[in-house]
Amino acid sequence: MGKTSPLSKVYIVSDALGGTAERVFRAAVVQFADEAAVSVDRVTYVRTKEAVDRVVASAADEACAMIVHSLVRATLREYLQSAAEIRGISTVDVLGPMIQGLGRVFGRAPQEVAGLTHRADGNYFQRVEAAEFAVRYDDGKDPGALLAAELVLLGVSRTSKTPLSLYLANRRLKVANLPLAPELPLPSSLEAVAHKIVGLTITPEALLSIRKKRVGALGLAASAGYASWPRVIEELAYARHVFDRLGCPVVDVSHQAVEETAEHVLTMWKRHRQNPTG
């Protein structure tokens, strides 16, 4: 039988959603054997002294409560700590010491604006949305996505279209990619999105080498048409014809890491958007 926890309830108090303070509390409390018996109550959007008074009053009614808070305004933090001390309630300030330390280093006062963390987290959700877009519309799965995409990559098979799409999704860009082959019909919407397109090319030697490794990994014959010199030449010539027709910029991916290629693609894409006919 485990011992009864001396702590009956923890109030997680925040001027926003309280996720930061609760994560810190849970990361710390697992170091103690009694954590399962502790009740946690998250109190959000506490931005006035009256709201602080209500939390402190609730905590005072418990047998043994603690307040863990992540309030960004110094005056409100100090008020909470003073009010809790009067009632004999233990408090832990998760954010204050860090804000004060950074203030000393930066030599200026903090903004003290509640909810900034969640505004920054918006970038995370944009990256997730962009990654989902890249996966959903990879390899021309839905030509209609070309209109919704911010950037469209065209290239023959094995020119890093998928890795580039996912890498650029981390930059919060919605990227669609489309494979080029002489026998594959081009979507009718391609002309309408020409200003978004960047073509990907590669030297015949590099492409042949990559494709031979690919068919070998799949257990196919090395002489398969996909990995033959005539097929590689034919596809690259066709791709060049499409690029010329669309007037899109072209990036050579030969012997380049995805990160390096991505920077070239972004540069070309931005320049092409500003001057599509240049």
C-alpha atoms as a PDB file:
ATOM      1  CA  MET A   1       0.000   0.000   0.000  1.00  0.00           C
ATOM      2  CA  GLY A   2       1.378   3.434  -0.872  1.00  0.00           C
ATOM      3  CA  LYS A   3       1.265   6.339   1.512  1.00  0.00           C
ATOM      4  CA  THR A   4      -1.504   8.918   1.249  1.00  0.00           C
ATOM      5  CA  SER A   5      -0.227  11.989  -0.540  1.00  0.00           C
ATOM      6  CA  PRO A   6       0.233  15.019   1.732  1.00  0.00           C
ATOM      7  CA  LEU A   7      -0.796  17.166  -1.247  1.00  0.00           C
ATOM      8  CA  SER A   8      -4.522  16.991  -2.000  1.00  0.00           C
ATOM      9  CA  LYS A   9      -4.839  19.390  -4.927  1.00  0.00           C
ATOM     10  CA  VAL A  10      -2.737  21.472  -7.284  1.00  0.00           C
ATOM     11  CA  TYR A  11      -4.101  24.545  -9.025  1.00  0.00           C
ATOM     12  CA  ILE A  12      -2.425  25.304 -12.349  1.00  0.00           C
ATOM     13  CA  VAL A  13      -2.971  29.033 -12.795  1.00  0.00           C
ATOM     14  CA  SER A  14      -2.305  30.817 -16.084  1.00  0.00           C
ATOM     15  CA  ASP A  15      -3.208  34.011 -17.898  1.00  0.00           C
ATOM     16  CA  ALA A  16      -3.521  31.899 -21.055  1.00  0.00           C
ATOM     17  CA  LEU A  17      -4.164  28.143 -21.443  1.00  0.00           C
ATOM     18  CA  GLY A  18      -1.843  26.863 -18.704  1.00  0.00           C
ATOM     19  CA  GLY A  19      -0.146  24.198 -20.797  1.00  0.00           C
ATOM     20  CA  THR A  20       3.368  25.349 -19.917  1.00  0.00           C
ATOM     21  CA  ALA A  21       2.815  25.287 -16.154  1.00  0.00           C
ATOM     22  CA  GLU A  22       1.018  21.950 -16.229  1.00  0.00           C
ATOM     23  CA  ARG A  23       3.738  20.286 -18.309  1.00  0.00           C
ATOM     24  CA  VAL A  24       6.407  21.511 -15.879  1.00  0.00           C
ATOM     25  CA  PHE A  25       4.377  20.294 -12.884  1.00  0.00           C
ATOM     26  CA  ARG A  26       3.780  16.848 -14.370  1.00  0.00           C
ATOM     27  CA  ALA A  27       7.429  16.500 -15.367  1.00  0.00           C
ATOM     28  CA  ALA A  28       8.415  17.216 -11.763  1.00  0.00           C
ATOM     29  CA  VAL A  29       5.713  15.325  -9.875  1.00  0.00           C
ATOM     30  CA  VAL A  30       6.534  11.972 -11.464  1.00  0.00           C
ATOM     31  CA  GLN A  31       9.720  12.048  -9.393  1.00  0.00           C
ATOM     32  CA  PHE A  32       7.553  11.405  -6.331  1.00  0.00           C
ATOM     33  CA  ALA A  33       5.725   8.184  -5.493  1.00  0.00           C
ATOM     34  CA  ASP A  34       2.520   9.916  -4.438  1.00  0.00           C
ATOM     35  CA  GLU A  35       1.733  11.697  -7.677  1.00  0.00           C
ATOM     36  CA  ALA A  36      -1.300   9.542  -8.576  1.00  0.00           C
ATOM     37  CA  ALA A  37      -3.205  10.826  -5.529  1.00  0.00           C
ATOM     38  CA  VAL A  38      -2.807  14.500  -6.471  1.00  0.00           C
ATOM     39  CA  SER A  39      -5.796  16.187  -8.090  1.00  0.00           C
ATOM     40  CA  VAL A  40      -4.968  18.824 -10.703  1.00  0.00           C
ATOM     41  CA  ASP A  41      -7.258  21.731 -11.564  1.00  0.00           C
ATOM     42  CA  ARG A  42      -6.216  24.017 -14.406  1.00  0.00           C
ATOM     43  CA  VAL A  43      -7.517  27.593 -14.048  1.00  0.00           C
ATOM     44  CA  THR A  44      -7.062  29.559 -17.270  1.00  0.00           C
ATOM     45  CA  TYR A  45      -7.169  33.221 -18.351  1.00  0.00           C
ATOM     46  CA  VAL A  46      -6.471  34.570 -14.870  1.00  0.00           C
ATOM     47  CA  ARG A  47      -5.747  38.222 -15.640  1.00  0.00           C
ATOM     48  CA  THR A  48      -7.235  40.206 -12.744  1.00  0.00           C
ATOM     49  CA  LYS A  49      -6.725  40.399  -8.988  1.00  0.00           C
ATOM     50  CA  GLU A  50     -10.336  39.299  -8.536  1.00  0.00           C
ATOM     51  CA  ALA A  51      -9.624  36.099 -10.486  1.00  0.00           C
ATOM     52  CA  VAL A  52      -6.540  35.505  -8.339  1.00  0.00           C
ATOM     53  CA  ASP A  53      -8.624  35.970  -5.175  1.00  0.00           C
ATOM     54  CA  ARG A  54     -11.064  33.292  -6.341  1.00  0.00           C
ATOM     55  CA  VAL A  55      -8.285  30.773  -6.967  1.00  0.00           C
ATOM     56  CA  VAL A  56      -6.633  31.465  -3.610  1.00  0.00           C
ATOM     57  CA  ALA A  57      -9.990  31.123  -1.812  1.00  0.00           C
ATOM     58  CA  SER A  58     -10.610  27.770  -3.499  1.00  0.00           C
ATOM     59  CA  ALA A  59      -7.135  26.557  -2.597  1.00  0.00           C
ATOM     60  CA  ALA A  60      -7.623  27.636   1.014  1.00  0.00           C
ATOM     61  CA  ASP A  61     -10.689  25.377   1.250  1.00  0.00           C
ATOM     62  CA  GLU A  62      -8.591  22.305   0.410  1.00  0.00           C
ATOM     63  CA  ALA A  63      -6.869  20.166   3.024  1.00  0.00           C
ATOM     64  CA  CYS A  64      -3.469  20.834   1.442  1.00  0.00           C
ATOM     65  CA  ALA A  65      -3.237  22.674  -1.864  1.00  0.00           C
ATOM     66  CA  MET A  66      -0.484  24.162  -3.967  1.00  0.00           C
ATOM     67  CA  ILE A  67      -0.670  26.807  -6.685  1.00  0.00           C
ATOM     68  CA  VAL A  68       1.618  26.438  -9.715  1.00  0.00           C
ATOM     69  CA  HIS A  69       1.408  29.491 -11.940  1.00  0.00           C
ATOM     70  CA  SER A  70       2.770  30.903 -15.191  1.00  0.00           C
ATOM     71  CA  LEU A  71       1.586  34.519 -15.075  1.00  0.00           C
ATOM     72  CA  VAL A  72       3.534  36.920 -17.284  1.00  0.00           C
ATOM     73  CA  ARG A  73       2.620  40.184 -15.510  1.00  0.00           C
ATOM     74  CA  ALA A  74       4.940  40.828 -12.579  1.00  0.00           C
ATOM     75  CA  THR A  75       2.307  42.748 -10.593  1.00  0.00           C
ATOM     76  CA  LEU A  76      -0.157  39.859 -10.852  1.00  0.00           C
ATOM     77  CA  ARG A  77       2.500  37.292  -9.918  1.00  0.00           C
ATOM     78  CA  GLU A  78       3.426  39.296  -6.841  1.00  0.00           C
ATOM     79  CA  TYR A  79      -0.230  39.730  -5.884  1.00  0.00           C
ATOM     80  CA  LEU A  80      -0.894  35.999  -6.173  1.00  0.00           C
ATOM     81  CA  GLN A  81       2.160  35.074  -4.145  1.00  0.00           C
ATOM     82  CA  SER A  82       1.278  37.586  -1.423  1.00  0.00           C
ATOM     83  CA  ALA A  83      -2.366  36.488  -1.242  1.00  0.00           C
ATOM     84  CA  ALA A  84      -1.374  32.821  -1.108  1.00  0.00           C
ATOM     85  CA  GLU A  85       1.258  33.432   1.573  1.00  0.00           C
ATOM     86  CA  ILE A  86      -1.325  35.115   3.808  1.00  0.00           C
ATOM     87  CA  ARG A  87      -3.494  31.967   3.553  1.00  0.00           C
ATOM     88  CA  GLY A  88      -0.553  29.637   4.077  1.00  0.00           C
ATOM     89  CA  ILE A  89      -0.683  28.228   0.528  1.00  0.00           C
ATOM     90  CA  SER A  90       2.520  27.100  -1.175  1.00  0.00           C
ATOM     91  CA  THR A  91       3.168  28.545  -4.646  1.00  0.00           C
ATOM     92  CA  VAL A  92       5.577  27.777  -7.465  1.00  0.00           C
ATOM     93  CA  ASP A  93       6.311  30.449 -10.062  1.00  0.00           C
ATOM     94  CA  VAL A  94       7.167  28.627 -13.294  1.00  0.00           C
ATOM     95  CA  LEU A  95       7.721  31.610 -15.566  1.00  0.00           C
ATOM     96  CA  GLY A  96       8.751  34.563 -13.405  1.00  0.00           C
ATOM     97  CA  PRO A  97      12.391  33.631 -12.639  1.00  0.00           C
ATOM     98  CA  MET A  98      13.051  32.919 -16.320  1.00  0.00           C
ATOM     99  CA  ILE A  99      11.510  36.223 -17.422  1.00  0.00           C
ATOM    100  CA  GLN A 100      13.519  38.111 -14.801  1.00  0.00           C
ATOM    101  CA  GLY A 101      16.750  36.353 -15.804  1.00  0.00           C
ATOM    102  CA  LEU A 102      16.216  37.110 -19.484  1.00  0.00           C
ATOM    103  CA  GLY A 103      15.392  40.712 -18.614  1.00  0.00           C
ATOM    104  CA  ARG A 104      18.778  41.071 -16.945  1.00  0.00           C
ATOM    105  CA  VAL A 105      20.553  39.535 -19.930  1.00  0.00           C
ATOM    106  CA  PHE A 106      18.676  41.545 -22.573  1.00  0.00           C
ATOM    107  CA  GLY A 107      18.798  44.706 -20.490  1.00  0.00           C
ATOM    108  CA  ARG A 108      15.156  45.588 -21.035  1.00  0.00           C
ATOM    109  CA  ALA A 109      11.717  44.931 -19.630  1.00  0.00           C
ATOM    110  CA  PRO A 110       9.558  42.077 -21.012  1.00  0.00           C
ATOM    111  CA  GLN A 111       6.381  42.751 -22.999  1.00  0.00           C
ATOM    112  CA  GLU A 112       4.200  41.064 -20.360  1.00  0.00           C
ATOM    113  CA  VAL A 113       1.617  40.115 -22.988  1.00  0.00           C
ATOM    114  CA  ALA A 114      -0.378  36.983 -22.157  1.00  0.00           C
ATOM    115  CA  GLY A 115      -0.723  34.236 -24.769  1.00  0.00           C
ATOM    116  CA  LEU A 116       2.371  35.000 -26.873  1.00  0.00           C
ATOM    117  CA  THR A 117       3.463  31.353 -26.625  1.00  0.00           C
ATOM    118  CA  HIS A 118       0.319  30.231 -28.390  1.00  0.00           C
ATOM    119  CA  ARG A 119       0.724  32.824 -31.097  1.00  0.00           C
ATOM    120  CA  ALA A 120       4.181  31.393 -31.747  1.00  0.00           C
ATOM    121  CA  ASP A 121       2.701  27.896 -31.700  1.00  0.00           C
ATOM    122  CA  GLY A 122       0.608  28.953 -34.684  1.00  0.00           C
ATOM    123  CA  ASN A 123       3.742  28.443 -36.781  1.00  0.00           C
ATOM    124  CA  TYR A 124       3.791  24.817 -35.639  1.00  0.00           C
ATOM    125  CA  PHE A 125       0.238  24.222 -36.786  1.00  0.00           C
ATOM    126  CA  GLN A 126       0.985  25.873 -40.115  1.00  0.00           C
ATOM    127  CA  ARG A 127       3.911  23.479 -40.579  1.00  0.00           C
ATOM    128  CA  VAL A 128       1.698  20.498 -39.757  1.00  0.00           C
ATOM    129  CA  GLU A 129      -0.943  21.692 -42.210  1.00  0.00           C
ATOM    130  CA  ALA A 130       1.686  22.175 -44.919  1.00  0.00           C
ATOM    131  CA  ALA A 131       3.142  18.695 -44.290  1.00  0.00           C
ATOM    132  CA  GLU A 132      -0.307  17.124 -44.523  1.00  0.00           C
ATOM    133  CA  PHE A 133      -0.862  18.998 -47.782  1.00  0.00           C
ATOM    134  CA  ALA A 134       2.434  17.718 -49.212  1.00  0.00           C
ATOM    135  CA  VAL A 135       1.594  14.107 -48.332  1.00  0.00           C
ATOM    136  CA  ARG A 136      -1.986  14.307 -49.537  1.00  0.00           C
ATOM    137  CA  TYR A 137      -1.044  15.741 -52.916  1.00  0.00           C
ATOM    138  CA  ASP A 138       2.284  14.013 -53.466  1.00  0.00           C
ATOM    139  CA  ASP A 139       3.209  12.781 -56.927  1.00  0.00           C
ATOM    140  CA  GLY A 140       0.206  14.288 -58.697  1.00  0.00           C
ATOM    141  CA  LYS A 141      -2.409  12.427 -56.644  1.00  0.00           C
ATOM    142  CA  ASP A 142      -4.906  15.220 -57.215  1.00  0.00           C
ATOM    143  CA  PRO A 143      -4.164  17.662 -60.038  1.00  0.00           C
ATOM    144  CA  GLY A 144      -6.801  19.990 -58.596  1.00  0.00           C
ATOM    145  CA  ALA A 145      -4.451  20.671 -55.694  1.00  0.00           C
ATOM    146  CA  LEU A 146      -2.192  22.667 -58.014  1.00  0.00           C
ATOM    147  CA  LEU A 147      -4.561  25.608 -57.661  1.00  0.00           C
ATOM    148  CA  ALA A 148      -4.452  25.434 -53.843  1.00  0.00           C
ATOM    149  CA  ALA A 149      -0.680  24.988 -53.669  1.00  0.00           C
ATOM    150  CA  GLU A 150       1.663  27.879 -53.049  1.00  0.00           C
ATOM    151  CA  LEU A 151       4.522  26.214 -54.907  1.00  0.00           C
ATOM    152  CA  VAL A 152       4.428  23.472 -57.549  1.00  0.00           C
ATOM    153  CA  LEU A 153       7.389  21.230 -58.304  1.00  0.00           C
ATOM    154  CA  LEU A 154       7.661  19.470 -61.675  1.00  0.00           C
ATOM    155  CA  GLY A 155      10.206  16.841 -62.557  1.00  0.00           C
ATOM    156  CA  VAL A 156      10.806  13.333 -63.804  1.00  0.00           C
ATOM    157  CA  SER A 157      10.852  10.455 -61.348  1.00  0.00           C
ATOM    158  CA  ARG A 158      13.737  10.518 -58.802  1.00  0.00           C
ATOM    159  CA  THR A 159      14.411  14.256 -58.850  1.00  0.00           C
ATOM    160  CA  SER A 160      13.669  14.664 -55.108  1.00  0.00           C
ATOM    161  CA  LYS A 161      10.173  16.087 -55.549  1.00  0.00           C
ATOM    162  CA  THR A 162       8.747  14.410 -52.438  1.00  0.00           C
ATOM    163  CA  PRO A 163      11.666  15.136 -50.060  1.00  0.00           C
ATOM    164  CA  LEU A 164      11.695  18.736 -51.223  1.00  0.00           C
ATOM    165  CA  SER A 165       7.931  19.099 -50.738  1.00  0.00           C
ATOM    166  CA  LEU A 166       8.196  17.846 -47.162  1.00  0.00           C
ATOM    167  CA  TYR A 167      11.285  19.916 -46.416  1.00  0.00           C
ATOM    168  CA  LEU A 168       9.602  23.077 -47.686  1.00  0.00           C
ATOM    169  CA  ALA A 169       6.499  22.229 -45.649  1.00  0.00           C
ATOM    170  CA  ASN A 170       8.684  22.900 -42.626  1.00  0.00           C
ATOM    171  CA  ARG A 171       8.917  26.448 -43.982  1.00  0.00           C
ATOM    172  CA  ARG A 172       5.086  26.492 -43.823  1.00  0.00           C
ATOM    173  CA  LEU A 173       4.755  26.275 -47.612  1.00  0.00           C
ATOM    174  CA  LYS A 174       2.011  24.198 -49.209  1.00  0.00           C
ATOM    175  CA  VAL A 175       3.814  22.361 -51.990  1.00  0.00           C
ATOM    176  CA  ALA A 176       2.317  20.084 -54.618  1.00  0.00           C
ATOM    177  CA  ASN A 177       4.471  18.059 -56.967  1.00  0.00           C
ATOM    178  CA  LEU A 178       3.784  16.461 -60.292  1.00  0.00           C
ATOM    179  CA  PRO A 179       5.760  13.754 -62.091  1.00  0.00           C
ATOM    180  CA  LEU A 180       6.651  14.262 -65.738  1.00  0.00           C
ATOM    181  CA  ALA A 181       6.742  11.448 -68.267  1.00  0.00           C
ATOM    182  CA  PRO A 182       5.913  11.475 -71.988  1.00  0.00           C
ATOM    183  CA  GLU A 183       2.965   9.125 -71.549  1.00  0.00           C
ATOM    184  CA  LEU A 184       1.395  11.032 -68.614  1.00  0.00           C
ATOM    185  CA  PRO A 185      -1.128  13.691 -69.673  1.00  0.00           C
ATOM    186  CA  LEU A 186      -0.515  17.117 -68.198  1.00  0.00           C
ATOM    187  CA  PRO A 187      -3.377  18.564 -66.093  1.00  0.00           C
ATOM    188  CA  SER A 188      -5.348  21.375 -67.709  1.00  0.00           C
ATOM    189  CA  SER A 189      -4.699  23.614 -64.695  1.00  0.00           C
ATOM    190  CA  LEU A 190      -0.937  23.647 -65.262  1.00  0.00           C
ATOM    191  CA  GLU A 191      -0.910  26.799 -67.379  1.00  0.00           C
ATOM    192  CA  ALA A 192      -2.939  28.665 -64.737  1.00  0.00           C
ATOM    193  CA  VAL A 193      -0.326  27.969 -62.062  1.00  0.00           C
ATOM    194  CA  ALA A 194       2.748  28.577 -64.202  1.00  0.00           C
ATOM    195  CA  HIS A 195       3.795  31.450 -61.909  1.00  0.00           C
ATOM    196  CA  LYS A 196       4.049  28.978 -58.989  1.00  0.00           C
ATOM    197  CA  ILE A 197       6.082  26.337 -60.791  1.00  0.00           C
ATOM    198  CA  VAL A 198       9.724  25.425 -60.373  1.00  0.00           C
ATOM    199  CA  GLY A 199      11.088  22.650 -62.574  1.00  0.00           C
ATOM    200  CA  LEU A 200      13.585  20.099 -61.302  1.00  0.00           C
ATOM    201  CA  THR A 201      16.194  18.595 -63.582  1.00  0.00           C
ATOM    202  CA  ILE A 202      19.233  16.380 -63.168  1.00  0.00           C
ATOM    203  CA  THR A 203      22.126  15.149 -65.306  1.00  0.00           C
ATOM    204  CA  PRO A 204      21.411  11.931 -67.231  1.00  0.00           C
ATOM    205  CA  GLU A 205      24.350  10.186 -65.534  1.00  0.00           C
ATOM    206  CA  ALA A 206      23.139  11.046 -62.025  1.00  0.00           C
ATOM    207  CA  LEU A 207      19.548  10.058 -62.827  1.00  0.00           C
ATOM    208  CA  LEU A 208      20.605   6.744 -64.351  1.00  0.00           C
ATOM    209  CA  SER A 209      22.689   5.922 -61.285  1.00  0.00           C
ATOM    210  CA  ILE A 210      19.829   6.735 -58.897  1.00  0.00           C
ATOM    211  CA  ARG A 211      17.329   4.714 -60.895  1.00  0.00           C
ATOM    212  CA  LYS A 212      19.593   1.679 -61.124  1.00  0.00           C
ATOM    213  CA  LYS A 213      19.950   1.696 -57.351  1.00  0.00           C
ATOM    214  CA  ARG A 214      16.200   2.031 -57.030  1.00  0.00           C
ATOM    215  CA  VAL A 215      15.327  -0.912 -59.261  1.00  0.00           C
ATOM    216  CA  GLY A 216      18.022  -2.955 -57.553  1.00  0.00           C
ATOM    217  CA  ALA A 217      16.486  -2.225 -54.155  1.00  0.00           C
ATOM    218  CA  LEU A 218      13.122  -3.356 -55.506  1.00  0.00           C
ATOM    219  CA  GLY A 219      14.636  -6.584 -56.840  1.00  0.00           C
ATOM    220  CA  LEU A 220      13.951  -5.706 -60.467  1.00  0.00           C
ATOM    221  CA  ALA A 221      16.210  -6.331 -63.423  1.00  0.00           C
ATOM    222  CA  ALA A 222      18.901  -3.669 -63.847  1.00  0.00           C
ATOM    223  CA  SER A 223      18.052  -3.484 -67.540  1.00  0.00           C
ATOM    224  CA  ALA A 224      14.450  -2.413 -66.836  1.00  0.00           C
ATOM    225  CA  GLY A 225      13.329   0.374 -69.158  1.00  0.00           C
ATOM    226  CA  TYR A 226      12.894   2.764 -66.226  1.00  0.00           C
ATOM    227  CA  ALA A 227      16.622   2.578 -65.527  1.00  0.00           C
ATOM    228  CA  SER A 228      17.889   2.534 -69.098  1.00  0.00           C
ATOM    229  CA  TRP A 229      19.900   5.238 -70.819  1.00  0.00           C
ATOM    230  CA  PRO A 230      17.408   5.801 -73.690  1.00  0.00           C
ATOM    231  CA  ARG A 231      14.514   6.184 -71.238  1.00  0.00           C
ATOM    232  CA  VAL A 232      16.422   8.657 -69.076  1.00  0.00           C
ATOM    233  CA  ILE A 233      17.353  10.772 -72.105  1.00  0.00           C
ATOM    234  CA  GLU A 234      13.779  10.687 -73.405  1.00  0.00           C
ATOM    235  CA  GLU A 235      12.255  11.762 -70.088  1.00  0.00           C
ATOM    236  CA  LEU A 236      14.715  14.574 -69.464  1.00  0.00           C
ATOM    237  CA  ALA A 237      14.170  15.932 -72.981  1.00  0.00           C
ATOM    238  CA  TYR A 238      10.415  15.826 -72.451  1.00  0.00           C
ATOM    239  CA  ALA A 239      10.734  17.607 -69.103  1.00  0.00           C
ATOM    240  CA  ARG A 240      12.849  20.336 -70.704  1.00  0.00           C
ATOM    241  CA  HIS A 241      10.155  20.780 -73.366  1.00  0.00           C
ATOM    242  CA  VAL A 242       7.502  21.229 -70.643  1.00  0.00           C
ATOM    243  CA  PHE A 243       9.648  23.693 -68.700  1.00  0.00           C
ATOM    244  CA  ASP A 244      10.299  25.761 -71.819  1.00  0.00           C
ATOM    245  CA  ARG A 245       6.619  25.789 -72.684  1.00  0.00           C
ATOM    246  CA  LEU A 246       5.628  26.978 -69.212  1.00  0.00           C
ATOM    247  CA  GLY A 247       8.504  29.434 -68.945  1.00  0.00           C
ATOM    248  CA  CYS A 248       9.280  28.252 -65.422  1.00  0.00           C
ATOM    249  CA  PRO A 249      12.656  28.429 -63.673  1.00  0.00           C
ATOM    250  CA  VAL A 250      14.617  25.188 -63.413  1.00  0.00           C
ATOM    251  CA  VAL A 251      16.848  23.921 -60.603  1.00  0.00           C
ATOM    252  CA  ASP A 252      19.433  21.202 -61.162  1.00  0.00           C
ATOM    253  CA  VAL A 253      19.305  18.720 -58.264  1.00  0.00           C
ATOM    254  CA  SER A 254      22.354  16.727 -59.353  1.00  0.00           C
ATOM    255  CA  HIS A 255      24.619  15.807 -56.427  1.00  0.00           C
ATOM    256  CA  GLN A 256      22.930  18.303 -54.094  1.00  0.00           C
ATOM    257  CA  ALA A 257      21.510  17.750 -50.616  1.00  0.00           C
ATOM    258  CA  VAL A 258      17.806  18.437 -50.182  1.00  0.00           C
ATOM    259  CA  GLU A 259      18.579  21.441 -47.970  1.00  0.00           C
ATOM    260  CA  GLU A 260      20.775  23.038 -50.626  1.00  0.00           C
ATOM    261  CA  THR A 261      18.297  22.347 -53.400  1.00  0.00           C
ATOM    262  CA  ALA A 262      15.478  23.798 -51.291  1.00  0.00           C
ATOM    263  CA  GLU A 263      17.298  27.107 -50.965  1.00  0.00           C
ATOM    264  CA  HIS A 264      17.763  27.287 -54.747  1.00  0.00           C
ATOM    265  CA  VAL A 265      14.095  26.422 -55.270  1.00  0.00           C
ATOM    266  CA  LEU A 266      12.940  29.132 -52.867  1.00  0.00           C
ATOM    267  CA  THR A 267      15.142  31.739 -54.527  1.00  0.00           C
ATOM    268  CA  MET A 268      13.875  30.831 -58.005  1.00  0.00           C
ATOM    269  CA  TRP A 269      10.254  30.641 -56.825  1.00  0.00           C
ATOM    270  CA  LYS A 270      10.298  34.071 -55.180  1.00  0.00           C
ATOM    271  CA  ARG A 271      11.964  35.659 -58.191  1.00  0.00           C
ATOM    272  CA  HIS A 272       9.530  33.991 -60.605  1.00  0.00           C
ATOM    273  CA  ARG A 273       6.471  35.137 -58.619  1.00  0.00           C
ATOM    274  CA  GLN A 274       7.688  38.733 -58.771  1.00  0.00           C
ATOM    275  CA  ASN A 275       8.483  38.571 -62.473  1.00  0.00           C
ATOM    276  CA  PRO A 276       6.734  35.595 -64.149  1.00  0.00           C
ATOM    277  CA  THR A 277       7.811  36.620 -67.640  1.00  0.00           C
ATOM    278  CA  GLY A 278      11.420  37.350 -66.702  1.00  0.00           C
END
